[in-house]
Amino acid sequence: SPGQPSALGDHQFHARAGYHLAPAVLSDGTQVFDH
């Protein structure tokens, strides 16, 4: 993963190495965090 740890960034649903995973409601109605 390029770069260095920082507080500066942006928010995206796109999954990026080093960033927080955004939530997502799956096709069965469950939340990805539940899995």
Full PDB file with SEQRES, HELIX, SHEET, SSBOND, CRYST1, ORIGX, SCALE, CONECT and MASTER records, all heavy atoms in Angstrom:
SEQRES   1 A   35  SER PRO GLY GLN PRO SER ALA LEU GLY ASP HIS GLN PHE          
SEQRES   2 A   35  HIS ALA ARG ALA GLY TYR HIS LEU ALA PRO ALA VAL LEU          
SEQRES   3 A   35  SER ASP GLY THR GLN VAL PHE ASP HIS                          
HELIX    1 AA1 VAL A   32  ASP A   34  5                                   3    
CRYST1    1.000    1.000    1.000  90.00  90.00  90.00 P 1           1          
ORIGX1      1.000000  0.000000  0.000000        0.00000                         
ORIGX2      0.000000  1.000000  0.000000        0.00000                         
ORIGX3      0.000000  0.000000  1.000000        0.00000                         
SCALE1      1.000000  0.000000  0.000000        0.00000                         
SCALE2      0.000000  1.000000  0.000000        0.00000                         
SCALE3      0.000000  0.000000  1.000000        0.00000                         
ATOM      1  N   SER A   1       0.859  -1.191   0.000  1.00  0.00           N  
ATOM      2  CA  SER A   1       0.000   0.000   0.000  1.00  0.00           C  
ATOM      3  C   SER A   1       0.891   1.236   0.000  1.00  0.00           C  
ATOM      4  O   SER A   1       1.718   1.404   0.889  1.00  0.00           O  
ATOM      5  CB  SER A   1      -0.918   0.011   1.224  1.00  0.00           C  
ATOM      6  OG  SER A   1      -0.172   0.025   2.425  1.00  0.00           O  
ATOM      7  N   PRO A   2       0.756   2.106  -0.981  1.00  0.00           N  
ATOM      8  CA  PRO A   2       1.611   3.294  -1.034  1.00  0.00           C  
ATOM      9  C   PRO A   2       1.226   4.321   0.028  1.00  0.00           C  
ATOM     10  O   PRO A   2       0.111   4.312   0.543  1.00  0.00           O  
ATOM     11  CB  PRO A   2       1.357   3.839  -2.435  1.00  0.00           C  
ATOM     12  CG  PRO A   2      -0.037   3.376  -2.762  1.00  0.00           C  
ATOM     13  CD  PRO A   2      -0.185   2.043  -2.103  1.00  0.00           C  
ATOM     14  N   GLY A   3       2.143   5.232   0.340  1.00  0.00           N  
ATOM     15  CA  GLY A   3       1.857   6.317   1.277  1.00  0.00           C  
ATOM     16  C   GLY A   3       2.402   6.034   2.651  1.00  0.00           C  
ATOM     17  O   GLY A   3       3.274   5.196   2.860  1.00  0.00           O  
ATOM     18  N   GLN A   4       1.855   6.747   3.644  1.00  0.00           N  
ATOM     19  CA  GLN A   4       2.208   6.547   5.037  1.00  0.00           C  
ATOM     20  C   GLN A   4       0.986   6.817   5.890  1.00  0.00           C  
ATOM     21  O   GLN A   4       0.083   7.559   5.485  1.00  0.00           O  
ATOM     22  CB  GLN A   4       3.355   7.469   5.448  1.00  0.00           C  
ATOM     23  CG  GLN A   4       3.043   8.951   5.354  1.00  0.00           C  
ATOM     24  CD  GLN A   4       4.242   9.806   5.748  1.00  0.00           C  
ATOM     25  OE1 GLN A   4       5.341   9.321   5.923  1.00  0.00           O  
ATOM     26  NE2 GLN A   4       4.013  11.097   5.895  1.00  0.00           N  
ATOM     27  N   PRO A   5       0.897   6.210   7.072  1.00  0.00           N  
ATOM     28  CA  PRO A   5      -0.268   6.427   7.929  1.00  0.00           C  
ATOM     29  C   PRO A   5      -0.494   7.913   8.200  1.00  0.00           C  
ATOM     30  O   PRO A   5       0.447   8.678   8.408  1.00  0.00           O  
ATOM     31  CB  PRO A   5       0.100   5.669   9.200  1.00  0.00           C  
ATOM     32  CG  PRO A   5       1.008   4.576   8.736  1.00  0.00           C  
ATOM     33  CD  PRO A   5       1.815   5.200   7.642  1.00  0.00           C  
ATOM     34  N   SER A   6      -1.759   8.314   8.197  1.00  0.00           N  
ATOM     35  CA  SER A   6      -2.101   9.734   8.316  1.00  0.00           C  
ATOM     36  C   SER A   6      -3.550   9.863   8.765  1.00  0.00           C  
ATOM     37  O   SER A   6      -4.347   8.935   8.621  1.00  0.00           O  
ATOM     38  CB  SER A   6      -1.911  10.417   6.951  1.00  0.00           C  
ATOM     39  OG  SER A   6      -2.358  11.757   6.987  1.00  0.00           O  
ATOM     40  N   ALA A   7      -3.873  11.037   9.296  1.00  0.00           N  
ATOM     41  CA  ALA A   7      -5.276  11.346   9.578  1.00  0.00           C  
ATOM     42  C   ALA A   7      -5.971  11.944   8.372  1.00  0.00           C  
ATOM     43  O   ALA A   7      -7.200  12.009   8.318  1.00  0.00           O  
ATOM     44  CB  ALA A   7      -5.373  12.309  10.758  1.00  0.00           C  
ATOM     45  N   LEU A   8      -5.191  12.404   7.406  1.00  0.00           N  
ATOM     46  CA  LEU A   8      -5.753  12.992   6.190  1.00  0.00           C  
ATOM     47  C   LEU A   8      -6.147  11.903   5.211  1.00  0.00           C  
ATOM     48  O   LEU A   8      -5.364  10.993   4.935  1.00  0.00           O  
ATOM     49  CB  LEU A   8      -4.733  13.911   5.524  1.00  0.00           C  
ATOM     50  CG  LEU A   8      -4.666  15.361   5.964  1.00  0.00           C  
ATOM     51  CD1 LEU A   8      -3.489  16.050   5.293  1.00  0.00           C  
ATOM     52  CD2 LEU A   8      -5.960  16.093   5.640  1.00  0.00           C  
ATOM     53  N   GLY A   9      -7.331  12.017   4.690  1.00  0.00           N  
ATOM     54  CA  GLY A   9      -7.794  11.058   3.697  1.00  0.00           C  
ATOM     55  C   GLY A   9      -9.140  11.487   3.174  1.00  0.00           C  
ATOM     56  O   GLY A   9      -9.495  12.667   3.197  1.00  0.00           O  
ATOM     57  N   ASP A  10      -9.900  10.534   2.708  1.00  0.00           N  
ATOM     58  CA  ASP A  10     -11.263  10.809   2.288  1.00  0.00           C  
ATOM     59  C   ASP A  10     -12.116   9.582   2.569  1.00  0.00           C  
ATOM     60  O   ASP A  10     -11.610   8.533   2.964  1.00  0.00           O  
ATOM     61  CB  ASP A  10     -11.328  11.207   0.801  1.00  0.00           C  
ATOM     62  CG  ASP A  10     -10.787  10.120  -0.115  1.00  0.00           C  
ATOM     63  OD1 ASP A  10     -10.400   9.042   0.386  1.00  0.00           O  
ATOM     64  OD2 ASP A  10     -10.750  10.339  -1.338  1.00  0.00           O  
ATOM     65  N   HIS A  11     -13.404   9.744   2.390  1.00  0.00           N  
ATOM     66  CA  HIS A  11     -14.339   8.659   2.668  1.00  0.00           C  
ATOM     67  C   HIS A  11     -14.858   8.088   1.352  1.00  0.00           C  
ATOM     68  O   HIS A  11     -15.359   8.835   0.497  1.00  0.00           O  
ATOM     69  CB  HIS A  11     -15.510   9.164   3.519  1.00  0.00           C  
ATOM     70  CG  HIS A  11     -15.122   9.512   4.921  1.00  0.00           C  
ATOM     71  ND1 HIS A  11     -14.516  10.711   5.252  1.00  0.00           N  
ATOM     72  CD2 HIS A  11     -15.237   8.814   6.082  1.00  0.00           C  
ATOM     73  CE1 HIS A  11     -14.289  10.739   6.555  1.00  0.00           C  
ATOM     74  NE2 HIS A  11     -14.710   9.604   7.082  1.00  0.00           N  
ATOM     75  N   GLN A  12     -14.738   6.791   1.199  1.00  0.00           N  
ATOM     76  CA  GLN A  12     -15.225   6.104   0.012  1.00  0.00           C  
ATOM     77  C   GLN A  12     -15.812   4.759   0.417  1.00  0.00           C  
ATOM     78  O   GLN A  12     -15.417   4.170   1.425  1.00  0.00           O  
ATOM     79  CB  GLN A  12     -14.088   5.861  -0.986  1.00  0.00           C  
ATOM     80  CG  GLN A  12     -13.413   7.090  -1.539  1.00  0.00           C  
ATOM     81  CD  GLN A  12     -12.342   6.734  -2.558  1.00  0.00           C  
ATOM     82  OE1 GLN A  12     -12.387   5.658  -3.175  1.00  0.00           O  
ATOM     83  NE2 GLN A  12     -11.376   7.623  -2.741  1.00  0.00           N  
ATOM     84  N   PHE A  13     -16.736   4.262  -0.402  1.00  0.00           N  
ATOM     85  CA  PHE A  13     -17.206   2.884  -0.211  1.00  0.00           C  
ATOM     86  C   PHE A  13     -16.232   1.897  -0.843  1.00  0.00           C  
ATOM     87  O   PHE A  13     -16.169   0.736  -0.436  1.00  0.00           O  
ATOM     88  CB  PHE A  13     -18.602   2.717  -0.795  1.00  0.00           C  
ATOM     89  CG  PHE A  13     -19.667   3.380   0.031  1.00  0.00           C  
ATOM     90  CD1 PHE A  13     -20.207   4.585  -0.357  1.00  0.00           C  
ATOM     91  CD2 PHE A  13     -20.105   2.813   1.216  1.00  0.00           C  
ATOM     92  CE1 PHE A  13     -21.181   5.209   0.410  1.00  0.00           C  
ATOM     93  CE2 PHE A  13     -21.069   3.425   2.001  1.00  0.00           C  
ATOM     94  CZ  PHE A  13     -21.605   4.631   1.591  1.00  0.00           C  
ATOM     95  N   HIS A  14     -15.483   2.350  -1.809  1.00  0.00           N  
ATOM     96  CA  HIS A  14     -14.449   1.535  -2.442  1.00  0.00           C  
ATOM     97  C   HIS A  14     -13.477   1.029  -1.384  1.00  0.00           C  
ATOM     98  O   HIS A  14     -12.961   1.807  -0.584  1.00  0.00           O  
ATOM     99  CB  HIS A  14     -13.720   2.395  -3.481  1.00  0.00           C  
ATOM    100  CG  HIS A  14     -12.524   1.761  -4.086  1.00  0.00           C  
ATOM    101  ND1 HIS A  14     -12.595   0.695  -4.944  1.00  0.00           N  
ATOM    102  CD2 HIS A  14     -11.193   2.037  -3.960  1.00  0.00           C  
ATOM    103  CE1 HIS A  14     -11.379   0.348  -5.328  1.00  0.00           C  
ATOM    104  NE2 HIS A  14     -10.514   1.150  -4.738  1.00  0.00           N  
ATOM    105  N   ALA A  15     -13.229  -0.268  -1.346  1.00  0.00           N  
ATOM    106  CA  ALA A  15     -12.328  -0.847  -0.344  1.00  0.00           C  
ATOM    107  C   ALA A  15     -10.881  -0.561  -0.728  1.00  0.00           C  
ATOM    108  O   ALA A  15     -10.442  -0.883  -1.841  1.00  0.00           O  
ATOM    109  CB  ALA A  15     -12.552  -2.345  -0.235  1.00  0.00           C  
ATOM    110  N   ARG A  16     -10.140   0.045   0.212  1.00  0.00           N  
ATOM    111  CA  ARG A  16      -8.744   0.409  -0.028  1.00  0.00           C  
ATOM    112  C   ARG A  16      -7.878  -0.099   1.112  1.00  0.00           C  
ATOM    113  O   ARG A  16      -8.229   0.070   2.284  1.00  0.00           O  
ATOM    114  CB  ARG A  16      -8.597   1.933  -0.140  1.00  0.00           C  
ATOM    115  CG  ARG A  16      -9.330   2.544  -1.320  1.00  0.00           C  
ATOM    116  CD  ARG A  16      -9.386   4.050  -1.185  1.00  0.00           C  
ATOM    117  NE  ARG A  16     -10.263   4.471  -0.096  1.00  0.00           N  
ATOM    118  CZ  ARG A  16     -10.324   5.712   0.375  1.00  0.00           C  
ATOM    119  NH1 ARG A  16      -9.518   6.634  -0.112  1.00  0.00           N  
ATOM    120  NH2 ARG A  16     -11.159   6.009   1.352  1.00  0.00           N  
ATOM    121  N   ALA A  17      -6.757  -0.674   0.766  1.00  0.00           N  
ATOM    122  CA  ALA A  17      -5.835  -1.180   1.795  1.00  0.00           C  
ATOM    123  C   ALA A  17      -5.398  -0.036   2.704  1.00  0.00           C  
ATOM    124  O   ALA A  17      -4.975   1.018   2.239  1.00  0.00           O  
ATOM    125  CB  ALA A  17      -4.633  -1.838   1.144  1.00  0.00           C  
ATOM    126  N   GLY A  18      -5.513  -0.267   3.993  1.00  0.00           N  
ATOM    127  CA  GLY A  18      -5.130   0.728   4.984  1.00  0.00           C  
ATOM    128  C   GLY A  18      -6.270   1.593   5.477  1.00  0.00           C  
ATOM    129  O   GLY A  18      -6.103   2.323   6.457  1.00  0.00           O  
ATOM    130  N   TYR A  19      -7.407   1.514   4.829  1.00  0.00           N  
ATOM    131  CA  TYR A  19      -8.555   2.340   5.208  1.00  0.00           C  
ATOM    132  C   TYR A  19      -9.629   1.509   5.910  1.00  0.00           C  
ATOM    133  O   TYR A  19      -9.717   0.288   5.730  1.00  0.00           O  
ATOM    134  CB  TYR A  19      -9.165   3.012   3.972  1.00  0.00           C  
ATOM    135  CG  TYR A  19      -8.443   4.264   3.529  1.00  0.00           C  
ATOM    136  CD1 TYR A  19      -7.246   4.179   2.826  1.00  0.00           C  
ATOM    137  CD2 TYR A  19      -8.950   5.519   3.818  1.00  0.00           C  
ATOM    138  CE1 TYR A  19      -6.574   5.325   2.422  1.00  0.00           C  
ATOM    139  CE2 TYR A  19      -8.287   6.669   3.413  1.00  0.00           C  
ATOM    140  CZ  TYR A  19      -7.099   6.570   2.714  1.00  0.00           C  
ATOM    141  OH  TYR A  19      -6.436   7.707   2.321  1.00  0.00           O  
ATOM    142  N   HIS A  20     -10.443   2.200   6.673  1.00  0.00           N  
ATOM    143  CA  HIS A  20     -11.583   1.593   7.354  1.00  0.00           C  
ATOM    144  C   HIS A  20     -12.561   1.005   6.336  1.00  0.00           C  
ATOM    145  O   HIS A  20     -12.840   1.606   5.299  1.00  0.00           O  
ATOM    146  CB  HIS A  20     -12.269   2.685   8.191  1.00  0.00           C  
ATOM    147  CG  HIS A  20     -13.596   2.317   8.739  1.00  0.00           C  
ATOM    148  ND1 HIS A  20     -14.783   2.644   8.113  1.00  0.00           N  
ATOM    149  CD2 HIS A  20     -13.951   1.671   9.882  1.00  0.00           C  
ATOM    150  CE1 HIS A  20     -15.800   2.225   8.829  1.00  0.00           C  
ATOM    151  NE2 HIS A  20     -15.327   1.622   9.912  1.00  0.00           N  
ATOM    152  N   LEU A  21     -13.082  -0.172   6.625  1.00  0.00           N  
ATOM    153  CA  LEU A  21     -14.076  -0.804   5.757  1.00  0.00           C  
ATOM    154  C   LEU A  21     -15.423  -0.117   5.939  1.00  0.00           C  
ATOM    155  O   LEU A  21     -15.918   0.014   7.064  1.00  0.00           O  
ATOM    156  CB  LEU A  21     -14.216  -2.289   6.091  1.00  0.00           C  
ATOM    157  CG  LEU A  21     -15.206  -3.064   5.222  1.00  0.00           C  
ATOM    158  CD1 LEU A  21     -14.645  -3.285   3.823  1.00  0.00           C  
ATOM    159  CD2 LEU A  21     -15.587  -4.396   5.885  1.00  0.00           C  
ATOM    160  N   ALA A  22     -16.006   0.346   4.858  1.00  0.00           N  
ATOM    161  CA  ALA A  22     -17.330   0.958   4.927  1.00  0.00           C  
ATOM    162  C   ALA A  22     -18.395  -0.126   5.075  1.00  0.00           C  
ATOM    163  O   ALA A  22     -18.197  -1.269   4.665  1.00  0.00           O  
ATOM    164  CB  ALA A  22     -17.593   1.777   3.661  1.00  0.00           C  
ATOM    165  N   PRO A  23     -19.540   0.211   5.648  1.00  0.00           N  
ATOM    166  CA  PRO A  23     -20.609  -0.781   5.785  1.00  0.00           C  
ATOM    167  C   PRO A  23     -21.276  -1.051   4.440  1.00  0.00           C  
ATOM    168  O   PRO A  23     -21.147  -0.276   3.496  1.00  0.00           O  
ATOM    169  CB  PRO A  23     -21.578  -0.115   6.766  1.00  0.00           C  
ATOM    170  CG  PRO A  23     -21.382   1.351   6.522  1.00  0.00           C  
ATOM    171  CD  PRO A  23     -19.923   1.522   6.196  1.00  0.00           C  
ATOM    172  N   ALA A  24     -22.000  -2.143   4.369  1.00  0.00           N  
ATOM    173  CA  ALA A  24     -22.765  -2.468   3.161  1.00  0.00           C  
ATOM    174  C   ALA A  24     -23.885  -3.417   3.543  1.00  0.00           C  
ATOM    175  O   ALA A  24     -23.667  -4.386   4.281  1.00  0.00           O  
ATOM    176  CB  ALA A  24     -21.876  -3.096   2.094  1.00  0.00           C  
ATOM    177  N   VAL A  25     -25.072  -3.138   3.050  1.00  0.00           N  
ATOM    178  CA  VAL A  25     -26.198  -4.047   3.215  1.00  0.00           C  
ATOM    179  C   VAL A  25     -26.159  -5.041   2.055  1.00  0.00           C  
ATOM    180  O   VAL A  25     -26.119  -4.658   0.884  1.00  0.00           O  
ATOM    181  CB  VAL A  25     -27.532  -3.291   3.236  1.00  0.00           C  
ATOM    182  CG1 VAL A  25     -28.701  -4.267   3.332  1.00  0.00           C  
ATOM    183  CG2 VAL A  25     -27.564  -2.321   4.410  1.00  0.00           C  
ATOM    184  N   LEU A  26     -26.164  -6.329   2.383  1.00  0.00           N  
ATOM    185  CA  LEU A  26     -26.032  -7.378   1.383  1.00  0.00           C  
ATOM    186  C   LEU A  26     -27.382  -7.740   0.786  1.00  0.00           C  
ATOM    187  O   LEU A  26     -28.432  -7.273   1.247  1.00  0.00           O  
ATOM    188  CB  LEU A  26     -25.363  -8.592   2.010  1.00  0.00           C  
ATOM    189  CG  LEU A  26     -24.013  -8.311   2.694  1.00  0.00           C  
ATOM    190  CD1 LEU A  26     -23.468  -9.568   3.343  1.00  0.00           C  
ATOM    191  CD2 LEU A  26     -23.025  -7.732   1.690  1.00  0.00           C  
ATOM    192  N   SER A  27     -27.349  -8.576  -0.234  1.00  0.00           N  
ATOM    193  CA  SER A  27     -28.582  -8.908  -0.963  1.00  0.00           C  
ATOM    194  C   SER A  27     -29.596  -9.620  -0.087  1.00  0.00           C  
ATOM    195  O   SER A  27     -30.802  -9.563  -0.366  1.00  0.00           O  
ATOM    196  CB  SER A  27     -28.243  -9.774  -2.179  1.00  0.00           C  
ATOM    197  OG  SER A  27     -27.568 -10.963  -1.785  1.00  0.00           O  
ATOM    198  N   ASP A  28     -29.125 -10.292   0.970  1.00  0.00           N  
ATOM    199  CA  ASP A  28     -30.065 -10.969   1.865  1.00  0.00           C  
ATOM    200  C   ASP A  28     -30.569 -10.055   2.981  1.00  0.00           C  
ATOM    201  O   ASP A  28     -31.268 -10.500   3.893  1.00  0.00           O  
ATOM    202  CB  ASP A  28     -29.434 -12.225   2.458  1.00  0.00           C  
ATOM    203  CG  ASP A  28     -28.209 -11.926   3.317  1.00  0.00           C  
ATOM    204  OD1 ASP A  28     -27.840 -10.734   3.451  1.00  0.00           O  
ATOM    205  OD2 ASP A  28     -27.617 -12.875   3.861  1.00  0.00           O  
ATOM    206  N   GLY A  29     -30.196  -8.769   2.930  1.00  0.00           N  
ATOM    207  CA  GLY A  29     -30.662  -7.816   3.928  1.00  0.00           C  
ATOM    208  C   GLY A  29     -29.775  -7.698   5.144  1.00  0.00           C  
ATOM    209  O   GLY A  29     -30.012  -6.840   6.005  1.00  0.00           O  
ATOM    210  N   THR A  30     -28.724  -8.524   5.250  1.00  0.00           N  
ATOM    211  CA  THR A  30     -27.829  -8.442   6.400  1.00  0.00           C  
ATOM    212  C   THR A  30     -26.734  -7.413   6.150  1.00  0.00           C  
ATOM    213  O   THR A  30     -26.471  -7.009   5.023  1.00  0.00           O  
ATOM    214  CB  THR A  30     -27.185  -9.805   6.692  1.00  0.00           C  
ATOM    215  OG1 THR A  30     -26.404 -10.216   5.562  1.00  0.00           O  
ATOM    216  CG2 THR A  30     -28.250 -10.852   6.984  1.00  0.00           C  
ATOM    217  N   GLN A  31     -26.095  -7.006   7.226  1.00  0.00           N  
ATOM    218  CA  GLN A  31     -24.998  -6.050   7.153  1.00  0.00           C  
ATOM    219  C   GLN A  31     -23.674  -6.814   7.076  1.00  0.00           C  
ATOM    220  O   GLN A  31     -23.465  -7.800   7.783  1.00  0.00           O  
ATOM    221  CB  GLN A  31     -25.043  -5.154   8.393  1.00  0.00           C  
ATOM    222  CG  GLN A  31     -23.880  -4.235   8.616  1.00  0.00           C  
ATOM    223  CD  GLN A  31     -23.606  -3.300   7.457  1.00  0.00           C  
ATOM    224  OE1 GLN A  31     -22.546  -3.360   6.851  1.00  0.00           O  
ATOM    225  NE2 GLN A  31     -24.582  -2.437   7.158  1.00  0.00           N  
ATOM    226  N   VAL A  32     -22.757  -6.356   6.241  1.00  0.00           N  
ATOM    227  CA  VAL A  32     -21.496  -7.066   6.067  1.00  0.00           C  
ATOM    228  C   VAL A  32     -20.742  -7.194   7.388  1.00  0.00           C  
ATOM    229  O   VAL A  32     -20.083  -8.211   7.643  1.00  0.00           O  
ATOM    230  CB  VAL A  32     -20.621  -6.373   4.989  1.00  0.00           C  
ATOM    231  CG1 VAL A  32     -20.118  -5.021   5.486  1.00  0.00           C  
ATOM    232  CG2 VAL A  32     -19.468  -7.265   4.573  1.00  0.00           C  
ATOM    233  N   PHE A  33     -20.869  -6.216   8.283  1.00  0.00           N  
ATOM    234  CA  PHE A  33     -20.173  -6.293   9.565  1.00  0.00           C  
ATOM    235  C   PHE A  33     -20.660  -7.466  10.406  1.00  0.00           C  
ATOM    236  O   PHE A  33     -19.923  -7.953  11.268  1.00  0.00           O  
ATOM    237  CB  PHE A  33     -20.331  -4.986  10.336  1.00  0.00           C  
ATOM    238  CG  PHE A  33     -19.361  -3.907   9.918  1.00  0.00           C  
ATOM    239  CD1 PHE A  33     -19.624  -3.107   8.831  1.00  0.00           C  
ATOM    240  CD2 PHE A  33     -18.185  -3.700  10.614  1.00  0.00           C  
ATOM    241  CE1 PHE A  33     -18.736  -2.121   8.433  1.00  0.00           C  
ATOM    242  CE2 PHE A  33     -17.286  -2.723  10.236  1.00  0.00           C  
ATOM    243  CZ  PHE A  33     -17.557  -1.919   9.141  1.00  0.00           C  
ATOM    244  N   ASP A  34     -21.896  -7.919  10.159  1.00  0.00           N  
ATOM    245  CA  ASP A  34     -22.416  -9.061  10.912  1.00  0.00           C  
ATOM    246  C   ASP A  34     -21.704 -10.353  10.544  1.00  0.00           C  
ATOM    247  O   ASP A  34     -21.789 -11.348  11.280  1.00  0.00           O  
ATOM    248  CB  ASP A  34     -23.909  -9.217  10.660  1.00  0.00           C  
ATOM    249  CG  ASP A  34     -24.712  -8.045  11.179  1.00  0.00           C  
ATOM    250  OD1 ASP A  34     -24.235  -7.361  12.101  1.00  0.00           O  
ATOM    251  OD2 ASP A  34     -25.822  -7.799  10.645  1.00  0.00           O  
ATOM    252  N   HIS A  35     -21.002 -10.368   9.420  1.00  0.00           N  
ATOM    253  CA  HIS A  35     -20.350 -11.586   8.943  1.00  0.00           C  
ATOM    254  C   HIS A  35     -18.857 -11.615   9.252  1.00  0.00           C  
ATOM    255  O   HIS A  35     -18.208 -12.629   9.016  1.00  0.00           O  
ATOM    256  CB  HIS A  35     -20.560 -11.720   7.427  1.00  0.00           C  
ATOM    257  CG  HIS A  35     -21.996 -11.839   7.029  1.00  0.00           C  
ATOM    258  ND1 HIS A  35     -22.655 -13.057   6.966  1.00  0.00           N  
ATOM    259  CD2 HIS A  35     -22.915 -10.897   6.691  1.00  0.00           C  
ATOM    260  CE1 HIS A  35     -23.907 -12.855   6.594  1.00  0.00           C  
ATOM    261  NE2 HIS A  35     -24.095 -11.560   6.416  1.00  0.00           N  
TER     262      HIS A  35                                                      
MASTER        0    0    0    1    0    0    0    6  261    1    0    3          
END                                                                             
